[in-house]
Amino acid sequence: MTLSPSPRFRPKFLALPRRVTAVPSEARHGETIEAHSHPWVQLLYASEGVMRVRTEHGVWLIPPRRALLIAPGVLHELTMLSHVNMRTLYIDADAAASLVADCRVLEVSPLLRELILALALEPVDYPPDGRGGDLARLILSELAAMETVPIAVPWPRDRRLQALCAEIMGRPGSPRRLDDLASDAGASVRTLIRLFPKETGLHYRQWVQQVHLAHAFEMLARGEGVGAIARTLGYASPSAFTNMFRKLLGRTPQHYLAEWRGR
């Protein structure tokens, strides 16, 4: 997809007060933060709620206990898929140069979560030699150890493939045949199948599975059961959906559902 910087966007800082700066905020369901970029690394984390982030290269759905690291200069647009309590970290590019080249979804450990929440309570110009500075150093250390979660949905540049991908993203469980989707997109099935790995790095079925994973995380974060998710995404049974999920992520959806319900 093509993004252009919004002339209406106003950055919170012209220069970072500290190497790691935490900013707490809240956003309403449906609220959008228009396309923009930063000269520093950004960590988008919601202690509650689900966000969707779009860049020119992909789409990410970010539920609780996950965060998105965004490299300097990457244009991104945010949409709130629920009420969101956000805790954003802005990190000096030199301090986080090895952490991210584009975007990464991270598993947020309980320790990292508490560090982020604690730093968000400090003033943005906290004394570097005080508690805020200690928290910032611990955050950088913890970020370097965080596991990447493979739930990105890479986005193509070819307009025909974009039309097909937008239809699938909008209705991930649709029973419509690929022949019909290809006809709507104005290309043959063979052409689109050939374009998928070239444009996204994934084969068609792999790309669809990534869409299903992203939507599944959104629904799990809302507390929806595995059976309802399987039906919504068009799987023949909850076990078929669970097998796909576990094969790609190494954990079952029930694991994440229990985690979020426990919170």
Protein backbone atom coordinates (compact mmCIF):
# COMPACT_ATOMS: atom_id res chain seq x y z
CA MET A 1 0.00 0.00 0.00
CA THR A 2 1.12 3.55 -0.56
CA LEU A 3 1.33 5.88 2.42
CA SER A 4 2.06 9.59 2.39
CA PRO A 5 3.03 11.61 5.47
CA SER A 6 0.00 13.43 6.87
CA PRO A 7 0.41 17.21 6.99
CA ARG A 8 -1.88 17.19 10.04
CA PHE A 9 0.37 14.99 12.17
CA ARG A 10 2.18 16.83 14.95
CA PRO A 11 5.07 15.03 16.68
CA LYS A 12 5.21 14.99 20.45
CA PHE A 13 8.91 15.89 20.45
CA LEU A 14 11.25 17.78 18.16
CA ALA A 15 14.14 16.13 20.00
CA LEU A 16 14.08 13.28 22.51
CA PRO A 17 14.44 14.45 26.12
CA ARG A 18 16.25 11.19 27.01
CA ARG A 19 17.66 8.12 25.22
CA VAL A 20 14.47 6.24 26.17
CA THR A 21 11.28 8.26 26.60
CA ALA A 22 7.95 6.71 27.65
CA VAL A 23 4.65 8.41 26.82
CA PRO A 24 1.30 7.14 28.20
CA SER A 25 -1.90 7.84 26.26
CA GLU A 26 -5.43 6.54 25.62
CA ALA A 27 -7.28 6.22 22.33
CA ARG A 28 -10.89 5.48 21.41
CA HIS A 29 -12.12 2.52 19.39
CA GLY A 30 -11.86 3.46 15.71
CA GLU A 31 -9.47 6.36 16.27
CA THR A 32 -6.74 6.69 13.64
CA ILE A 33 -3.30 8.26 13.89
CA GLU A 34 -2.44 9.27 10.36
CA ALA A 35 0.70 8.26 8.49
CA HIS A 36 3.92 9.63 9.96
CA SER A 37 7.47 8.64 10.83
CA HIS A 38 10.05 9.43 13.51
CA PRO A 39 13.82 9.95 13.45
CA TRP A 40 14.11 7.46 16.34
CA VAL A 41 13.02 3.90 17.10
CA GLN A 42 9.45 3.59 18.36
CA LEU A 43 7.96 0.80 20.45
CA LEU A 44 4.17 0.65 20.25
CA TYR A 45 2.70 -1.21 23.21
CA ALA A 46 -0.86 -1.34 24.53
CA SER A 47 -1.31 -2.52 28.08
CA GLU A 48 -5.00 -2.92 27.14
CA GLY A 49 -6.66 -3.08 23.73
CA VAL A 50 -5.71 -3.98 20.16
CA MET A 51 -4.09 -1.77 17.49
CA ARG A 52 -3.63 -2.23 13.74
CA VAL A 53 -0.49 -0.74 12.24
CA ARG A 54 0.04 -0.28 8.50
CA THR A 55 3.28 0.53 6.73
CA GLU A 56 4.15 0.47 3.04
CA HIS A 57 5.44 -3.07 3.51
CA GLY A 58 2.92 -4.76 5.76
CA VAL A 59 0.09 -4.86 8.27
CA TRP A 60 0.42 -5.79 11.94
CA LEU A 61 -2.31 -6.41 14.51
CA ILE A 62 -0.93 -5.75 17.99
CA PRO A 63 -2.80 -7.27 20.94
CA PRO A 64 -1.79 -7.06 24.63
CA ARG A 65 1.50 -8.74 25.58
CA ARG A 66 2.82 -7.94 22.09
CA ALA A 67 4.56 -4.77 20.89
CA LEU A 68 5.74 -3.43 17.56
CA LEU A 69 9.24 -2.04 17.13
CA ILE A 70 9.41 0.46 14.27
CA ALA A 71 12.70 1.60 12.76
CA PRO A 72 13.53 5.29 12.22
CA GLY A 73 12.01 6.78 9.08
CA VAL A 74 9.35 4.07 8.55
CA LEU A 75 5.98 5.60 7.64
CA HIS A 76 3.20 4.05 9.69
CA GLU A 77 -0.50 4.56 10.36
CA LEU A 78 -2.37 3.35 13.47
CA THR A 79 -6.01 2.34 13.87
CA MET A 80 -7.49 1.41 17.24
CA LEU A 81 -9.54 -1.79 17.07
CA SER A 82 -10.79 -1.28 20.63
CA HIS A 83 -10.31 1.21 23.42
CA VAL A 84 -6.53 1.29 23.87
CA ASN A 85 -4.31 2.18 26.82
CA MET A 86 -1.06 2.87 25.00
CA ARG A 87 2.45 3.11 26.35
CA THR A 88 4.79 4.33 23.63
CA LEU A 89 8.56 4.23 23.90
CA TYR A 90 10.71 6.54 21.81
CA ILE A 91 14.31 5.30 21.72
CA ASP A 92 17.38 7.11 20.45
CA ALA A 93 18.36 5.51 17.15
CA ASP A 94 21.97 5.00 18.22
CA ALA A 95 20.89 3.26 21.42
CA ALA A 96 18.65 0.81 19.52
CA ALA A 97 20.48 0.48 16.18
CA SER A 98 20.75 -3.31 16.43
CA LEU A 99 17.15 -3.94 17.48
CA VAL A 100 15.20 -3.38 14.26
CA ALA A 101 15.73 -2.75 10.53
CA ASP A 102 12.06 -2.26 9.58
CA CYS A 103 9.34 -3.57 11.94
CA ARG A 104 9.29 -6.41 14.46
CA VAL A 105 6.50 -7.80 16.62
CA LEU A 106 7.90 -8.63 20.04
CA GLU A 107 6.73 -10.91 22.81
CA VAL A 108 6.53 -8.61 25.86
CA SER A 109 7.78 -10.35 28.97
CA PRO A 110 6.19 -9.57 32.35
CA LEU A 111 9.42 -7.81 33.34
CA LEU A 112 9.45 -5.61 30.22
CA ARG A 113 5.78 -4.76 30.74
CA GLU A 114 6.41 -3.57 34.30
CA LEU A 115 9.49 -1.61 33.23
CA ILE A 116 7.51 0.19 30.51
CA LEU A 117 4.65 1.00 32.89
CA ALA A 118 7.10 2.25 35.51
CA LEU A 119 9.01 4.51 33.10
CA ALA A 120 5.71 5.95 31.84
CA LEU A 121 5.13 7.26 35.38
CA GLU A 122 8.44 9.15 35.36
CA PRO A 123 8.71 12.68 33.90
CA VAL A 124 9.98 12.69 30.31
CA ASP A 125 13.08 14.63 31.44
CA TYR A 126 13.85 12.25 34.33
CA PRO A 127 17.35 12.54 35.85
CA PRO A 128 19.58 10.15 33.84
CA ASP A 129 21.38 9.06 37.02
CA GLY A 130 18.15 8.41 38.93
CA ARG A 131 15.38 5.82 38.86
CA GLY A 132 14.25 6.78 35.35
CA GLY A 133 17.74 6.24 33.98
CA ASP A 134 17.94 2.83 35.65
CA LEU A 135 14.58 1.83 34.16
CA ALA A 136 15.68 2.99 30.70
CA ARG A 137 18.86 0.93 30.82
CA LEU A 138 16.93 -2.15 31.95
CA ILE A 139 14.40 -1.64 29.12
CA LEU A 140 17.17 -1.57 26.50
CA SER A 141 18.68 -4.73 27.98
CA GLU A 142 15.32 -6.52 28.04
CA LEU A 143 14.40 -5.44 24.50
CA ALA A 144 17.59 -7.01 23.17
CA ALA A 145 16.45 -10.38 24.58
CA MET A 146 12.85 -10.30 23.34
CA GLU A 147 11.55 -12.95 20.95
CA THR A 148 10.11 -11.95 17.57
CA VAL A 149 6.53 -13.11 16.92
CA PRO A 150 5.99 -13.98 13.21
CA ILE A 151 2.54 -12.46 12.63
CA ALA A 152 3.34 -9.83 10.01
CA VAL A 153 1.18 -9.58 6.88
CA PRO A 154 3.51 -8.35 4.09
CA TRP A 155 1.79 -6.06 1.61
CA PRO A 156 2.34 -6.11 -2.18
CA ARG A 157 2.95 -3.15 -4.48
CA ASP A 158 1.21 -4.59 -7.55
CA ARG A 159 -2.25 -3.00 -7.74
CA ARG A 160 -3.97 -6.21 -8.87
CA LEU A 161 -2.51 -8.11 -5.94
CA GLN A 162 -3.41 -5.24 -3.59
CA ALA A 163 -7.06 -5.53 -4.63
CA LEU A 164 -7.03 -9.28 -3.91
CA CYS A 165 -5.22 -8.83 -0.59
CA ALA A 166 -7.58 -6.07 0.54
CA GLU A 167 -10.57 -8.33 -0.14
CA ILE A 168 -9.02 -11.17 1.87
CA MET A 169 -8.02 -8.87 4.74
CA GLY A 170 -11.53 -7.42 4.85
CA ARG A 171 -13.24 -10.84 4.82
CA PRO A 172 -10.68 -13.41 5.97
CA GLY A 173 -13.21 -16.24 6.27
CA SER A 174 -14.98 -15.64 2.96
CA PRO A 175 -15.82 -18.83 1.03
CA ARG A 176 -15.31 -17.09 -2.32
CA ARG A 177 -13.09 -19.03 -4.72
CA LEU A 178 -9.72 -17.70 -5.82
CA ASP A 179 -11.01 -17.71 -9.42
CA ASP A 180 -13.69 -15.18 -8.48
CA LEU A 181 -11.29 -13.03 -6.47
CA ALA A 182 -8.81 -13.02 -9.34
CA SER A 183 -11.53 -11.97 -11.79
CA ASP A 184 -12.44 -9.03 -9.53
CA ALA A 185 -8.77 -8.06 -9.34
CA GLY A 186 -8.43 -8.08 -13.14
CA ALA A 187 -5.81 -10.82 -13.44
CA SER A 188 -5.62 -14.57 -13.96
CA VAL A 189 -5.18 -16.96 -11.05
CA ARG A 190 -1.85 -18.06 -12.50
CA THR A 191 -0.58 -14.48 -12.64
CA LEU A 192 -1.59 -13.73 -9.06
CA ILE A 193 -0.16 -16.98 -7.72
CA ARG A 194 3.13 -16.17 -9.45
CA LEU A 195 3.16 -12.62 -8.07
CA PHE A 196 2.64 -13.57 -4.42
CA PRO A 197 6.18 -14.79 -3.60
CA LYS A 198 7.70 -12.05 -5.75
CA GLU A 199 5.73 -9.27 -4.06
CA THR A 200 5.33 -10.55 -0.49
CA GLY A 201 7.98 -13.23 0.01
CA LEU A 202 5.18 -15.72 0.76
CA HIS A 203 3.19 -18.14 -1.35
CA TYR A 204 -0.55 -17.50 -1.55
CA ARG A 205 -1.56 -20.05 1.12
CA GLN A 206 1.19 -18.86 3.45
CA TRP A 207 0.02 -15.26 3.07
CA VAL A 208 -3.59 -16.22 3.83
CA GLN A 209 -2.42 -18.06 6.95
CA GLN A 210 -0.66 -14.91 8.14
CA VAL A 211 -3.91 -12.98 7.68
CA HIS A 212 -5.71 -15.64 9.69
CA LEU A 213 -3.10 -15.45 12.46
CA ALA A 214 -3.41 -11.67 12.66
CA HIS A 215 -7.21 -11.80 12.90
CA ALA A 216 -7.03 -14.69 15.36
CA PHE A 217 -4.81 -12.65 17.70
CA GLU A 218 -7.28 -9.78 17.53
CA MET A 219 -10.21 -12.07 18.40
CA LEU A 220 -8.29 -13.90 21.14
CA ALA A 221 -7.47 -10.56 22.75
CA ARG A 222 -11.21 -9.82 22.85
CA GLY A 223 -11.76 -13.11 24.68
CA GLU A 224 -13.50 -14.97 21.85
CA GLY A 225 -13.38 -18.76 21.94
CA VAL A 226 -11.42 -20.97 19.56
CA GLY A 227 -14.60 -22.42 18.03
CA ALA A 228 -15.95 -18.97 17.16
CA ILE A 229 -12.59 -17.93 15.67
CA ALA A 230 -12.39 -21.09 13.56
CA ARG A 231 -15.88 -20.46 12.17
CA THR A 232 -15.17 -16.80 11.43
CA LEU A 233 -11.99 -17.68 9.54
CA GLY A 234 -13.64 -20.46 7.55
CA TYR A 235 -11.96 -23.52 9.06
CA ALA A 236 -13.78 -26.84 8.97
CA SER A 237 -13.29 -27.39 12.70
CA PRO A 238 -11.62 -25.85 15.76
CA SER A 239 -8.97 -28.59 15.61
CA ALA A 240 -8.07 -27.69 12.00
CA PHE A 241 -7.58 -24.06 13.02
CA THR A 242 -5.63 -25.04 16.16
CA ASN A 243 -3.29 -27.27 14.13
CA MET A 244 -2.51 -24.41 11.70
CA PHE A 245 -1.92 -21.99 14.59
CA ARG A 246 0.36 -24.37 16.50
CA LYS A 247 2.33 -25.31 13.39
CA LEU A 248 3.18 -21.65 12.70
CA LEU A 249 3.66 -20.33 16.24
CA GLY A 250 4.57 -23.38 18.30
CA ARG A 251 1.73 -22.68 20.76
CA THR A 252 -2.00 -23.26 20.66
CA PRO A 253 -4.58 -20.45 20.54
CA GLN A 254 -5.87 -21.81 23.84
CA HIS A 255 -2.51 -20.86 25.39
CA TYR A 256 -2.95 -17.19 24.42
CA LEU A 257 -6.65 -17.19 25.31
CA ALA A 258 -5.88 -18.45 28.82
CA GLU A 259 -3.09 -15.87 29.13
CA TRP A 260 -5.31 -12.93 28.24
CA ARG A 261 -8.33 -14.13 30.19
CA GLY A 262 -6.05 -14.49 33.19
CA ARG A 263 -5.10 -10.83 32.89
